[in-house]
Amino acid sequence: MAVRFPFARTLCLALLLGTVGLAPASAQQVEPPGKQKKLPEAPAKLPKVDRGKNLDFLFGALKAAPDEASAKHVEARIWAIWLQTPSDTAGLLMSRAKSAVDAKKIDVAIKLLDSVIKLRPDYIEAWNRRATLYYMQNDYGRSLSDIQQVLMREPRHFGALAGLGMIMQEVGDEKRALDAYRKALAVNPHLEKIPDQVKALTEKVEGRDI
């Protein structure tokens, strides 16, 4: 039987949805089920810059951030780029999907995200959001499939990596959970709660032969 972790579901949602690092400091505690933070929205406009170079710079800055506040600022800028929609149509569908989630109409939101992915399959955030919604429905197979699509396009997606770790932890695959968590921290050393999970899982997975 898989071991369930009370905090994991809410934190996984926060990481996959990009709410960790975007919420004010006073709201960054893990919340009980049923009180998950609302989905963040992409900024209306971002400067026209080389997306790849900008992300490379920001990921470098994230690793080098001297303190938590600086790291959260950089993290928020990364999420802003990821959230930026590639077209007006995709933006409208994403907005409607967010409204459907807020109204707890998860099936409707998934269908809207299906349309976004069909229209713009390279838009990472649509895959990421759908992975989260499948997770909310306990459909781990489809959630993992969408997480794989995210990581194929952006291996540095620390939200998806941490979400992968939490799913693996929930289904009892502690070795793969540990690997995913470590990859997430290698990209973003400032993720909340994940270092504690790495420590605990390291003792379980690698400390058994000691």
N, C-alpha and C. Protein backbone atom coordinates (compact mmCIF):
# COMPACT_ATOMS: atom_id res chain seq x y z
N MET A 1 0.85 -1.20 0.00
CA MET A 1 0.00 0.00 0.00
C MET A 1 0.88 1.24 0.00
N ALA A 2 0.52 2.22 -0.79
CA ALA A 2 1.30 3.45 -0.85
C ALA A 2 1.09 4.26 0.41
N VAL A 3 2.14 4.92 0.84
CA VAL A 3 2.07 5.80 2.00
C VAL A 3 1.58 7.16 1.55
N ARG A 4 0.61 7.73 2.23
CA ARG A 4 0.08 9.04 1.87
C ARG A 4 0.73 10.08 2.77
N PHE A 5 1.01 11.24 2.24
CA PHE A 5 1.66 12.30 2.99
C PHE A 5 0.71 13.49 3.06
N PRO A 6 0.26 13.88 4.27
CA PRO A 6 -0.78 14.90 4.40
C PRO A 6 -0.46 16.21 3.71
N PHE A 7 0.81 16.65 3.76
CA PHE A 7 1.15 17.93 3.19
C PHE A 7 1.40 17.87 1.69
N ALA A 8 1.65 16.68 1.17
CA ALA A 8 2.18 16.55 -0.19
C ALA A 8 1.23 17.06 -1.24
N ARG A 9 -0.07 16.76 -1.11
CA ARG A 9 -1.01 17.13 -2.17
C ARG A 9 -1.07 18.64 -2.35
N THR A 10 -1.20 19.40 -1.26
CA THR A 10 -1.30 20.84 -1.39
C THR A 10 -0.01 21.44 -1.92
N LEU A 11 1.13 20.96 -1.43
CA LEU A 11 2.40 21.49 -1.89
C LEU A 11 2.65 21.15 -3.34
N CYS A 12 2.27 19.94 -3.75
CA CYS A 12 2.43 19.56 -5.15
C CYS A 12 1.62 20.49 -6.04
N LEU A 13 0.39 20.80 -5.65
CA LEU A 13 -0.43 21.71 -6.42
C LEU A 13 0.23 23.08 -6.50
N ALA A 14 0.76 23.55 -5.38
CA ALA A 14 1.40 24.86 -5.37
C ALA A 14 2.59 24.90 -6.31
N LEU A 15 3.39 23.84 -6.30
CA LEU A 15 4.58 23.80 -7.14
C LEU A 15 4.21 23.69 -8.61
N LEU A 16 3.25 22.83 -8.93
CA LEU A 16 2.87 22.65 -10.32
C LEU A 16 2.18 23.89 -10.88
N LEU A 17 1.43 24.58 -10.02
CA LEU A 17 0.68 25.72 -10.49
C LEU A 17 1.48 27.01 -10.43
N GLY A 18 2.63 26.96 -9.81
CA GLY A 18 3.45 28.16 -9.77
C GLY A 18 3.10 29.11 -8.66
N THR A 19 2.36 28.66 -7.64
CA THR A 19 2.00 29.57 -6.56
C THR A 19 3.11 29.72 -5.54
N VAL A 20 3.99 28.73 -5.42
CA VAL A 20 5.12 28.87 -4.52
C VAL A 20 6.06 29.91 -5.11
N GLY A 21 6.36 30.94 -4.33
CA GLY A 21 7.25 31.98 -4.80
C GLY A 21 6.50 33.18 -5.37
N LEU A 22 5.21 33.02 -5.67
CA LEU A 22 4.44 34.13 -6.18
C LEU A 22 3.55 34.72 -5.10
N ALA A 23 3.23 33.92 -4.10
CA ALA A 23 2.40 34.41 -3.01
C ALA A 23 3.25 35.24 -2.08
N PRO A 24 2.64 36.21 -1.34
CA PRO A 24 3.40 36.98 -0.36
C PRO A 24 3.92 36.06 0.73
N ALA A 25 4.94 36.50 1.44
CA ALA A 25 5.59 35.66 2.44
C ALA A 25 4.60 35.14 3.47
N SER A 26 3.63 35.96 3.84
CA SER A 26 2.69 35.56 4.88
C SER A 26 1.76 34.46 4.42
N ALA A 27 1.70 34.20 3.11
CA ALA A 27 0.76 33.21 2.58
C ALA A 27 1.46 31.98 2.05
N GLN A 28 2.75 31.81 2.38
CA GLN A 28 3.50 30.73 1.78
C GLN A 28 3.46 29.44 2.60
N GLN A 29 2.69 29.41 3.70
CA GLN A 29 2.57 28.17 4.44
C GLN A 29 1.75 27.17 3.65
N VAL A 30 2.00 25.89 3.88
CA VAL A 30 1.20 24.86 3.24
C VAL A 30 -0.20 24.91 3.81
N GLU A 31 -1.19 24.95 2.95
CA GLU A 31 -2.57 25.05 3.40
C GLU A 31 -3.25 23.70 3.36
N PRO A 32 -4.27 23.51 4.20
CA PRO A 32 -4.98 22.23 4.19
C PRO A 32 -5.76 22.04 2.90
N PRO A 33 -6.07 20.76 2.54
CA PRO A 33 -6.85 20.50 1.33
C PRO A 33 -8.14 21.31 1.33
N GLY A 34 -8.54 21.77 0.16
CA GLY A 34 -9.76 22.55 0.05
C GLY A 34 -9.51 24.04 0.14
N LYS A 35 -8.27 24.43 0.51
CA LYS A 35 -7.95 25.85 0.61
C LYS A 35 -6.73 26.18 -0.24
N GLN A 36 -6.58 25.49 -1.36
CA GLN A 36 -5.45 25.74 -2.23
C GLN A 36 -5.52 27.15 -2.79
N LYS A 37 -4.36 27.72 -3.02
CA LYS A 37 -4.29 29.06 -3.59
C LYS A 37 -4.88 29.07 -4.99
N LYS A 38 -5.43 30.21 -5.38
CA LYS A 38 -5.97 30.33 -6.72
C LYS A 38 -4.84 30.32 -7.75
N LEU A 39 -5.17 29.94 -8.95
CA LEU A 39 -4.16 29.88 -10.00
C LEU A 39 -3.66 31.29 -10.31
N PRO A 40 -2.35 31.43 -10.48
CA PRO A 40 -1.82 32.74 -10.88
C PRO A 40 -2.15 33.00 -12.34
N GLU A 41 -2.17 34.26 -12.70
CA GLU A 41 -2.44 34.63 -14.08
C GLU A 41 -1.19 35.23 -14.70
N ALA A 42 -1.03 35.01 -16.00
CA ALA A 42 0.12 35.57 -16.70
C ALA A 42 -0.02 37.08 -16.81
N PRO A 43 1.09 37.81 -16.77
CA PRO A 43 1.01 39.26 -16.98
C PRO A 43 0.52 39.54 -18.40
N ALA A 44 -0.16 40.66 -18.56
CA ALA A 44 -0.71 40.99 -19.87
C ALA A 44 0.38 41.17 -20.91
N LYS A 45 1.48 41.80 -20.52
CA LYS A 45 2.56 42.05 -21.46
C LYS A 45 3.91 41.79 -20.79
N LEU A 46 4.82 41.24 -21.55
CA LEU A 46 6.21 41.11 -21.11
C LEU A 46 7.08 41.70 -22.21
N PRO A 47 8.23 42.27 -21.84
CA PRO A 47 9.10 42.84 -22.87
C PRO A 47 9.48 41.78 -23.90
N LYS A 48 9.62 42.20 -25.17
CA LYS A 48 10.02 41.27 -26.21
C LYS A 48 11.52 41.03 -26.13
N VAL A 49 11.90 39.91 -25.54
CA VAL A 49 13.31 39.57 -25.38
C VAL A 49 13.48 38.13 -25.85
N ASP A 50 14.73 37.72 -25.99
CA ASP A 50 15.01 36.34 -26.33
C ASP A 50 14.62 35.47 -25.14
N ARG A 51 13.53 34.72 -25.30
CA ARG A 51 13.00 33.92 -24.19
C ARG A 51 14.03 32.96 -23.62
N GLY A 52 14.74 32.24 -24.53
CA GLY A 52 15.71 31.25 -24.07
C GLY A 52 16.84 31.89 -23.29
N LYS A 53 17.41 32.98 -23.82
CA LYS A 53 18.51 33.64 -23.13
C LYS A 53 18.06 34.23 -21.80
N ASN A 54 16.83 34.77 -21.79
CA ASN A 54 16.32 35.35 -20.56
C ASN A 54 16.14 34.28 -19.48
N LEU A 55 15.61 33.12 -19.88
CA LEU A 55 15.44 32.04 -18.92
C LEU A 55 16.80 31.51 -18.44
N ASP A 56 17.76 31.40 -19.35
CA ASP A 56 19.09 30.95 -18.95
C ASP A 56 19.67 31.89 -17.89
N PHE A 57 19.52 33.19 -18.13
CA PHE A 57 20.02 34.18 -17.17
C PHE A 57 19.31 34.04 -15.82
N LEU A 58 17.98 33.89 -15.88
CA LEU A 58 17.20 33.82 -14.64
C LEU A 58 17.51 32.55 -13.85
N PHE A 59 17.70 31.42 -14.55
CA PHE A 59 18.04 30.19 -13.83
C PHE A 59 19.41 30.31 -13.18
N GLY A 60 20.33 31.00 -13.84
CA GLY A 60 21.62 31.24 -13.23
C GLY A 60 21.49 32.12 -12.00
N ALA A 61 20.65 33.14 -12.10
CA ALA A 61 20.43 34.04 -10.98
C ALA A 61 19.73 33.32 -9.83
N LEU A 62 18.86 32.37 -10.16
CA LEU A 62 18.14 31.62 -9.13
C LEU A 62 19.11 30.79 -8.29
N LYS A 63 20.05 30.14 -8.96
CA LYS A 63 21.04 29.34 -8.24
C LYS A 63 21.95 30.21 -7.37
N ALA A 64 22.24 31.41 -7.87
CA ALA A 64 23.19 32.29 -7.18
C ALA A 64 22.52 33.24 -6.19
N ALA A 65 21.20 33.17 -6.07
CA ALA A 65 20.49 34.11 -5.19
C ALA A 65 21.04 34.06 -3.77
N PRO A 66 21.39 35.20 -3.19
CA PRO A 66 22.03 35.21 -1.87
C PRO A 66 21.08 34.98 -0.71
N ASP A 67 19.79 35.18 -0.93
CA ASP A 67 18.84 35.01 0.16
C ASP A 67 17.48 34.61 -0.40
N GLU A 68 16.57 34.29 0.52
CA GLU A 68 15.24 33.80 0.14
C GLU A 68 14.44 34.83 -0.64
N ALA A 69 14.51 36.08 -0.21
CA ALA A 69 13.73 37.12 -0.88
C ALA A 69 14.18 37.30 -2.32
N SER A 70 15.48 37.31 -2.54
CA SER A 70 16.01 37.45 -3.90
C SER A 70 15.60 36.26 -4.76
N ALA A 71 15.67 35.06 -4.18
CA ALA A 71 15.30 33.85 -4.92
C ALA A 71 13.83 33.89 -5.32
N LYS A 72 12.96 34.32 -4.42
CA LYS A 72 11.53 34.37 -4.74
C LYS A 72 11.25 35.38 -5.84
N HIS A 73 11.99 36.46 -5.86
CA HIS A 73 11.81 37.45 -6.91
C HIS A 73 12.19 36.86 -8.27
N VAL A 74 13.31 36.17 -8.33
CA VAL A 74 13.76 35.55 -9.58
C VAL A 74 12.78 34.45 -9.99
N GLU A 75 12.34 33.66 -9.02
CA GLU A 75 11.40 32.57 -9.30
C GLU A 75 10.11 33.12 -9.92
N ALA A 76 9.65 34.24 -9.39
CA ALA A 76 8.42 34.84 -9.91
C ALA A 76 8.60 35.29 -11.36
N ARG A 77 9.78 35.76 -11.71
CA ARG A 77 10.04 36.18 -13.08
C ARG A 77 10.07 34.97 -14.02
N ILE A 78 10.62 33.87 -13.54
CA ILE A 78 10.61 32.64 -14.35
C ILE A 78 9.18 32.19 -14.61
N TRP A 79 8.36 32.18 -13.54
CA TRP A 79 6.96 31.78 -13.72
C TRP A 79 6.23 32.72 -14.67
N ALA A 80 6.57 34.02 -14.62
CA ALA A 80 5.91 34.98 -15.51
C ALA A 80 6.16 34.63 -16.97
N ILE A 81 7.40 34.21 -17.27
CA ILE A 81 7.72 33.82 -18.65
C ILE A 81 6.98 32.54 -19.02
N TRP A 82 6.97 31.57 -18.12
CA TRP A 82 6.28 30.31 -18.40
C TRP A 82 4.79 30.52 -18.60
N LEU A 83 4.22 31.47 -17.87
CA LEU A 83 2.78 31.70 -17.93
C LEU A 83 2.35 32.50 -19.15
N GLN A 84 3.29 33.20 -19.77
CA GLN A 84 2.94 34.03 -20.91
C GLN A 84 2.42 33.17 -22.05
N THR A 85 1.20 33.45 -22.51
CA THR A 85 0.57 32.62 -23.54
C THR A 85 1.10 32.98 -24.93
N PRO A 86 1.16 32.00 -25.83
CA PRO A 86 1.75 32.22 -27.15
C PRO A 86 0.80 32.88 -28.15
N SER A 87 -0.47 33.00 -27.81
CA SER A 87 -1.43 33.63 -28.73
C SER A 87 -2.63 34.11 -27.93
N ASP A 88 -3.40 35.01 -28.54
CA ASP A 88 -4.61 35.52 -27.87
C ASP A 88 -5.61 34.40 -27.63
N THR A 89 -5.74 33.49 -28.60
CA THR A 89 -6.68 32.38 -28.45
C THR A 89 -6.27 31.48 -27.29
N ALA A 90 -4.98 31.15 -27.22
CA ALA A 90 -4.50 30.32 -26.12
C ALA A 90 -4.70 31.04 -24.79
N GLY A 91 -4.47 32.33 -24.79
CA GLY A 91 -4.66 33.11 -23.57
C GLY A 91 -6.11 33.09 -23.09
N LEU A 92 -7.04 33.21 -24.04
CA LEU A 92 -8.46 33.18 -23.70
C LEU A 92 -8.85 31.81 -23.13
N LEU A 93 -8.36 30.75 -23.77
CA LEU A 93 -8.68 29.40 -23.29
C LEU A 93 -8.07 29.14 -21.91
N MET A 94 -6.86 29.63 -21.69
CA MET A 94 -6.22 29.46 -20.38
C MET A 94 -6.99 30.22 -19.31
N SER A 95 -7.46 31.41 -19.65
CA SER A 95 -8.25 32.20 -18.70
C SER A 95 -9.55 31.49 -18.34
N ARG A 96 -10.19 30.91 -19.36
CA ARG A 96 -11.44 30.18 -19.11
C ARG A 96 -11.18 28.91 -18.29
N ALA A 97 -10.03 28.27 -18.54
CA ALA A 97 -9.68 27.09 -17.75
C ALA A 97 -9.48 27.46 -16.29
N LYS A 98 -8.82 28.59 -16.06
CA LYS A 98 -8.60 29.06 -14.69
C LYS A 98 -9.94 29.34 -14.00
N SER A 99 -10.85 29.99 -14.73
CA SER A 99 -12.17 30.28 -14.16
C SER A 99 -12.91 28.98 -13.84
N ALA A 100 -12.78 27.99 -14.69
CA ALA A 100 -13.43 26.70 -14.45
C ALA A 100 -12.86 26.03 -13.20
N VAL A 101 -11.54 26.11 -13.03
CA VAL A 101 -10.93 25.53 -11.82
C VAL A 101 -11.44 26.27 -10.59
N ASP A 102 -11.47 27.60 -10.65
CA ASP A 102 -11.96 28.39 -9.52
C ASP A 102 -13.40 28.01 -9.16
N ALA A 103 -14.17 27.62 -10.18
CA ALA A 103 -15.56 27.21 -9.97
C ALA A 103 -15.68 25.72 -9.66
N LYS A 104 -14.52 25.07 -9.51
CA LYS A 104 -14.45 23.63 -9.21
C LYS A 104 -15.03 22.77 -10.33
N LYS A 105 -14.99 23.26 -11.55
CA LYS A 105 -15.43 22.50 -12.71
C LYS A 105 -14.18 21.92 -13.39
N ILE A 106 -13.61 20.92 -12.77
CA ILE A 106 -12.32 20.40 -13.21
C ILE A 106 -12.40 19.75 -14.59
N ASP A 107 -13.47 19.01 -14.85
CA ASP A 107 -13.62 18.37 -16.15
C ASP A 107 -13.68 19.39 -17.28
N VAL A 108 -14.37 20.50 -17.03
CA VAL A 108 -14.45 21.57 -18.03
C VAL A 108 -13.08 22.17 -18.26
N ALA A 109 -12.35 22.41 -17.17
CA ALA A 109 -11.00 22.99 -17.28
C ALA A 109 -10.08 22.07 -18.09
N ILE A 110 -10.18 20.77 -17.87
CA ILE A 110 -9.35 19.83 -18.62
C ILE A 110 -9.66 19.88 -20.10
N LYS A 111 -10.94 19.96 -20.45
CA LYS A 111 -11.31 20.04 -21.87
C LYS A 111 -10.77 21.32 -22.51
N LEU A 112 -10.79 22.41 -21.77
CA LEU A 112 -10.24 23.67 -22.28
C LEU A 112 -8.73 23.56 -22.49
N LEU A 113 -8.06 22.90 -21.56
CA LEU A 113 -6.62 22.71 -21.69
C LEU A 113 -6.30 21.75 -22.83
N ASP A 114 -7.18 20.76 -23.04
CA ASP A 114 -7.03 19.89 -24.21
C ASP A 114 -6.96 20.73 -25.49
N SER A 115 -7.83 21.73 -25.56
CA SER A 115 -7.88 22.58 -26.75
C SER A 115 -6.61 23.42 -26.89
N VAL A 116 -6.11 23.92 -25.76
CA VAL A 116 -4.87 24.71 -25.80
C VAL A 116 -3.72 23.85 -26.30
N ILE A 117 -3.62 22.64 -25.77
CA ILE A 117 -2.53 21.74 -26.16
C ILE A 117 -2.62 21.35 -27.63
N LYS A 118 -3.84 21.13 -28.11
CA LYS A 118 -4.02 20.80 -29.52
C LYS A 118 -3.62 21.99 -30.40
N LEU A 119 -3.95 23.18 -29.93
CA LEU A 119 -3.66 24.40 -30.69
C LEU A 119 -2.18 24.76 -30.63
N ARG A 120 -1.60 24.69 -29.42
CA ARG A 120 -0.20 25.08 -29.22
C ARG A 120 0.51 24.04 -28.36
N PRO A 121 0.89 22.91 -28.96
CA PRO A 121 1.49 21.81 -28.18
C PRO A 121 2.82 22.16 -27.53
N ASP A 122 3.47 23.22 -27.95
CA ASP A 122 4.73 23.62 -27.33
C ASP A 122 4.55 24.56 -26.15
N TYR A 123 3.30 24.88 -25.82
CA TYR A 123 3.06 25.76 -24.67
C TYR A 123 3.10 24.93 -23.39
N ILE A 124 4.21 25.04 -22.70
CA ILE A 124 4.50 24.17 -21.55
C ILE A 124 3.46 24.28 -20.45
N GLU A 125 3.00 25.49 -20.19
CA GLU A 125 2.12 25.67 -19.04
C GLU A 125 0.78 24.97 -19.20
N ALA A 126 0.32 24.78 -20.43
CA ALA A 126 -0.93 24.04 -20.62
C ALA A 126 -0.76 22.59 -20.18
N TRP A 127 0.36 21.97 -20.55
CA TRP A 127 0.65 20.61 -20.09
C TRP A 127 0.77 20.58 -18.57
N ASN A 128 1.44 21.58 -18.02
CA ASN A 128 1.66 21.63 -16.57
C ASN A 128 0.35 21.76 -15.81
N ARG A 129 -0.52 22.64 -16.30
CA ARG A 129 -1.81 22.83 -15.64
C ARG A 129 -2.67 21.57 -15.74
N ARG A 130 -2.64 20.93 -16.90
CA ARG A 130 -3.46 19.72 -17.04
C ARG A 130 -2.91 18.60 -16.16
N ALA A 131 -1.59 18.53 -16.02
CA ALA A 131 -0.99 17.55 -15.11
C ALA A 131 -1.51 17.75 -13.70
N THR A 132 -1.62 19.02 -13.30
CA THR A 132 -2.11 19.34 -11.97
C THR A 132 -3.56 18.91 -11.78
N LEU A 133 -4.37 19.15 -12.80
CA LEU A 133 -5.79 18.79 -12.69
C LEU A 133 -5.99 17.28 -12.66
N TYR A 134 -5.20 16.56 -13.45
CA TYR A 134 -5.26 15.11 -13.37
C TYR A 134 -4.84 14.64 -11.98
N TYR A 135 -3.85 15.30 -11.42
CA TYR A 135 -3.40 14.96 -10.07
C TYR A 135 -4.53 15.17 -9.07
N MET A 136 -5.26 16.26 -9.22
CA MET A 136 -6.37 16.55 -8.33
C MET A 136 -7.45 15.47 -8.41
N GLN A 137 -7.53 14.81 -9.57
CA GLN A 137 -8.50 13.73 -9.76
C GLN A 137 -7.92 12.36 -9.41
N ASN A 138 -6.71 12.36 -8.84
CA ASN A 138 -6.00 11.11 -8.51
C ASN A 138 -5.69 10.26 -9.73
N ASP A 139 -5.64 10.89 -10.90
CA ASP A 139 -5.31 10.18 -12.14
C ASP A 139 -3.80 10.34 -12.35
N TYR A 140 -3.03 9.58 -11.59
CA TYR A 140 -1.58 9.75 -11.60
C TYR A 140 -0.95 9.38 -12.93
N GLY A 141 -1.52 8.40 -13.63
CA GLY A 141 -0.97 8.01 -14.91
C GLY A 141 -0.97 9.16 -15.91
N ARG A 142 -2.10 9.82 -16.05
CA ARG A 142 -2.19 10.94 -16.99
C ARG A 142 -1.40 12.14 -16.49
N SER A 143 -1.40 12.34 -15.19
CA SER A 143 -0.61 13.43 -14.63
C SER A 143 0.87 13.24 -14.93
N LEU A 144 1.37 12.03 -14.72
CA LEU A 144 2.78 11.74 -15.00
C LEU A 144 3.09 11.89 -16.49
N SER A 145 2.16 11.49 -17.35
CA SER A 145 2.37 11.63 -18.78
C SER A 145 2.51 13.10 -19.17
N ASP A 146 1.68 13.96 -18.58
CA ASP A 146 1.77 15.39 -18.88
C ASP A 146 3.04 16.00 -18.28
N ILE A 147 3.42 15.56 -17.10
CA ILE A 147 4.67 16.04 -16.50
C ILE A 147 5.85 15.69 -17.40
N GLN A 148 5.82 14.50 -18.00
CA GLN A 148 6.87 14.10 -18.92
C GLN A 148 6.93 15.05 -20.12
N GLN A 149 5.76 15.46 -20.61
CA GLN A 149 5.72 16.40 -21.73
C GLN A 149 6.33 17.75 -21.33
N VAL A 150 6.05 18.17 -20.11
CA VAL A 150 6.64 19.42 -19.60
C VAL A 150 8.16 19.32 -19.58
N LEU A 151 8.66 18.24 -18.99
CA LEU A 151 10.11 18.08 -18.81
C LEU A 151 10.84 17.83 -20.12
N MET A 152 10.16 17.26 -21.11
CA MET A 152 10.75 17.12 -22.43
C MET A 152 11.04 18.49 -23.04
N ARG A 153 10.15 19.44 -22.76
CA ARG A 153 10.28 20.78 -23.34
C ARG A 153 11.10 21.71 -22.47
N GLU A 154 11.05 21.50 -21.15
CA GLU A 154 11.81 22.32 -20.22
C GLU A 154 12.28 21.47 -19.05
N PRO A 155 13.47 20.85 -19.19
CA PRO A 155 13.99 19.97 -18.13
C PRO A 155 14.24 20.68 -16.80
N ARG A 156 14.28 22.01 -16.84
CA ARG A 156 14.53 22.79 -15.61
C ARG A 156 13.24 23.17 -14.88
N HIS A 157 12.12 22.66 -15.32
CA HIS A 157 10.85 23.05 -14.70
C HIS A 157 10.77 22.45 -13.29
N PHE A 158 11.21 23.25 -12.32
CA PHE A 158 11.32 22.75 -10.94
C PHE A 158 9.96 22.41 -10.34
N GLY A 159 8.91 23.07 -10.80
CA GLY A 159 7.57 22.73 -10.32
C GLY A 159 7.16 21.34 -10.75
N ALA A 160 7.41 21.02 -12.03
CA ALA A 160 7.07 19.70 -12.53
C ALA A 160 7.95 18.63 -11.90
N LEU A 161 9.23 18.93 -11.69
CA LEU A 161 10.13 17.96 -11.06
C LEU A 161 9.70 17.67 -9.62
N ALA A 162 9.36 18.71 -8.89
CA ALA A 162 8.90 18.50 -7.52
C ALA A 162 7.57 17.77 -7.49
N GLY A 163 6.68 18.10 -8.45
CA GLY A 163 5.41 17.39 -8.54
C GLY A 163 5.61 15.93 -8.85
N LEU A 164 6.56 15.63 -9.73
CA LEU A 164 6.90 14.24 -10.04
C LEU A 164 7.37 13.52 -8.77
N GLY A 165 8.21 14.18 -8.00
CA GLY A 165 8.69 13.58 -6.76
C GLY A 165 7.56 13.27 -5.79
N MET A 166 6.61 14.18 -5.70
CA MET A 166 5.52 13.98 -4.76
C MET A 166 4.57 12.87 -5.20
N ILE A 167 4.35 12.75 -6.51
CA ILE A 167 3.53 11.64 -6.98
C ILE A 167 4.23 10.32 -6.69
N MET A 168 5.53 10.27 -7.00
CA MET A 168 6.29 9.04 -6.72
C MET A 168 6.26 8.71 -5.23
N GLN A 169 6.34 9.73 -4.40
CA GLN A 169 6.30 9.50 -2.96
C GLN A 169 4.94 8.97 -2.53
N GLU A 170 3.89 9.49 -3.12
CA GLU A 170 2.55 9.04 -2.76
C GLU A 170 2.30 7.59 -3.17
N VAL A 171 2.88 7.19 -4.30
CA VAL A 171 2.65 5.81 -4.74
C VAL A 171 3.68 4.84 -4.15
N GLY A 172 4.58 5.37 -3.33
CA GLY A 172 5.51 4.50 -2.62
C GLY A 172 6.83 4.24 -3.30
N ASP A 173 7.12 4.92 -4.41
CA ASP A 173 8.40 4.74 -5.10
C ASP A 173 9.37 5.79 -4.57
N GLU A 174 9.96 5.51 -3.42
CA GLU A 174 10.77 6.50 -2.74
C GLU A 174 12.08 6.81 -3.46
N LYS A 175 12.63 5.84 -4.15
CA LYS A 175 13.88 6.06 -4.87
C LYS A 175 13.69 7.07 -6.00
N ARG A 176 12.64 6.89 -6.79
CA ARG A 176 12.37 7.82 -7.88
C ARG A 176 11.92 9.18 -7.34
N ALA A 177 11.24 9.18 -6.21
CA ALA A 177 10.85 10.45 -5.58
C ALA A 177 12.09 11.24 -5.19
N LEU A 178 13.05 10.55 -4.57
CA LEU A 178 14.29 11.20 -4.15
C LEU A 178 15.03 11.77 -5.35
N ASP A 179 15.10 11.00 -6.42
CA ASP A 179 15.80 11.46 -7.62
C ASP A 179 15.14 12.72 -8.19
N ALA A 180 13.82 12.74 -8.24
CA ALA A 180 13.11 13.90 -8.78
C ALA A 180 13.30 15.12 -7.88
N TYR A 181 13.23 14.91 -6.57
CA TYR A 181 13.43 16.03 -5.64
C TYR A 181 14.83 16.62 -5.80
N ARG A 182 15.82 15.75 -5.92
CA ARG A 182 17.20 16.24 -6.07
C ARG A 182 17.37 17.04 -7.35
N LYS A 183 16.73 16.59 -8.42
CA LYS A 183 16.81 17.33 -9.68
C LYS A 183 16.13 18.70 -9.53
N ALA A 184 15.02 18.73 -8.81
CA ALA A 184 14.32 20.00 -8.60
C ALA A 184 15.20 20.98 -7.81
N LEU A 185 15.85 20.48 -6.77
CA LEU A 185 16.71 21.34 -5.96
C LEU A 185 17.97 21.76 -6.69
N ALA A 186 18.43 20.93 -7.61
CA ALA A 186 19.61 21.30 -8.39
C ALA A 186 19.30 22.53 -9.26
N VAL A 187 18.05 22.64 -9.67
CA VAL A 187 17.62 23.78 -10.49
C VAL A 187 17.26 24.96 -9.60
N ASN A 188 16.52 24.68 -8.54
CA ASN A 188 16.04 25.73 -7.64
C ASN A 188 16.31 25.32 -6.20
N PRO A 189 17.45 25.73 -5.65
CA PRO A 189 17.81 25.33 -4.28
C PRO A 189 16.93 25.94 -3.20
N HIS A 190 16.03 26.83 -3.60
CA HIS A 190 15.23 27.56 -2.61
C HIS A 190 13.79 27.05 -2.50
N LEU A 191 13.51 25.88 -3.06
CA LEU A 191 12.16 25.33 -2.95
C LEU A 191 11.82 25.04 -1.50
N GLU A 192 10.61 25.37 -1.11
CA GLU A 192 10.16 25.13 0.26
C GLU A 192 9.82 23.66 0.47
N LYS A 193 10.10 23.17 1.64
CA LYS A 193 9.74 21.82 2.10
C LYS A 193 10.53 20.70 1.42
N ILE A 194 10.96 20.91 0.19
CA ILE A 194 11.61 19.83 -0.55
C ILE A 194 12.92 19.39 0.11
N PRO A 195 13.74 20.29 0.63
CA PRO A 195 14.96 19.83 1.31
C PRO A 195 14.67 18.86 2.46
N ASP A 196 13.58 19.10 3.18
CA ASP A 196 13.21 18.20 4.27
C ASP A 196 12.87 16.82 3.74
N GLN A 197 12.20 16.78 2.59
CA GLN A 197 11.85 15.49 2.01
C GLN A 197 13.08 14.76 1.49
N VAL A 198 14.03 15.51 0.91
CA VAL A 198 15.27 14.90 0.45
C VAL A 198 16.02 14.29 1.63
N LYS A 199 16.08 15.01 2.73
CA LYS A 199 16.78 14.49 3.91
C LYS A 199 16.13 13.21 4.42
N ALA A 200 14.80 13.25 4.54
CA ALA A 200 14.09 12.08 5.06
C ALA A 200 14.20 10.89 4.12
N LEU A 201 14.07 11.13 2.83
CA LEU A 201 14.14 10.03 1.86
C LEU A 201 15.56 9.50 1.71
N THR A 202 16.54 10.37 1.84
CA THR A 202 17.93 9.91 1.76
C THR A 202 18.22 8.90 2.87
N GLU A 203 17.71 9.19 4.05
CA GLU A 203 17.90 8.27 5.18
C GLU A 203 17.20 6.93 4.93
N LYS A 204 16.03 7.00 4.30
CA LYS A 204 15.28 5.77 4.02
C LYS A 204 15.90 4.96 2.88
N VAL A 205 16.19 5.66 1.78
CA VAL A 205 16.62 4.98 0.56
C VAL A 205 18.09 4.59 0.61
N GLU A 206 18.93 5.49 1.09
CA GLU A 206 20.37 5.24 1.04
C GLU A 206 20.96 4.84 2.38
N GLY A 207 20.15 4.98 3.42
CA GLY A 207 20.67 4.66 4.75
C GLY A 207 20.31 3.27 5.24
N ARG A 208 19.61 2.50 4.39
CA ARG A 208 19.14 1.17 4.82
C ARG A 208 20.28 0.19 5.02
N ASP A 209 21.38 0.36 4.23
CA ASP A 209 22.47 -0.59 4.32
C ASP A 209 23.50 -0.22 5.37
N ILE A 210 23.29 0.93 6.03
CA ILE A 210 24.25 1.37 7.03
C ILE A 210 24.04 0.63 8.36
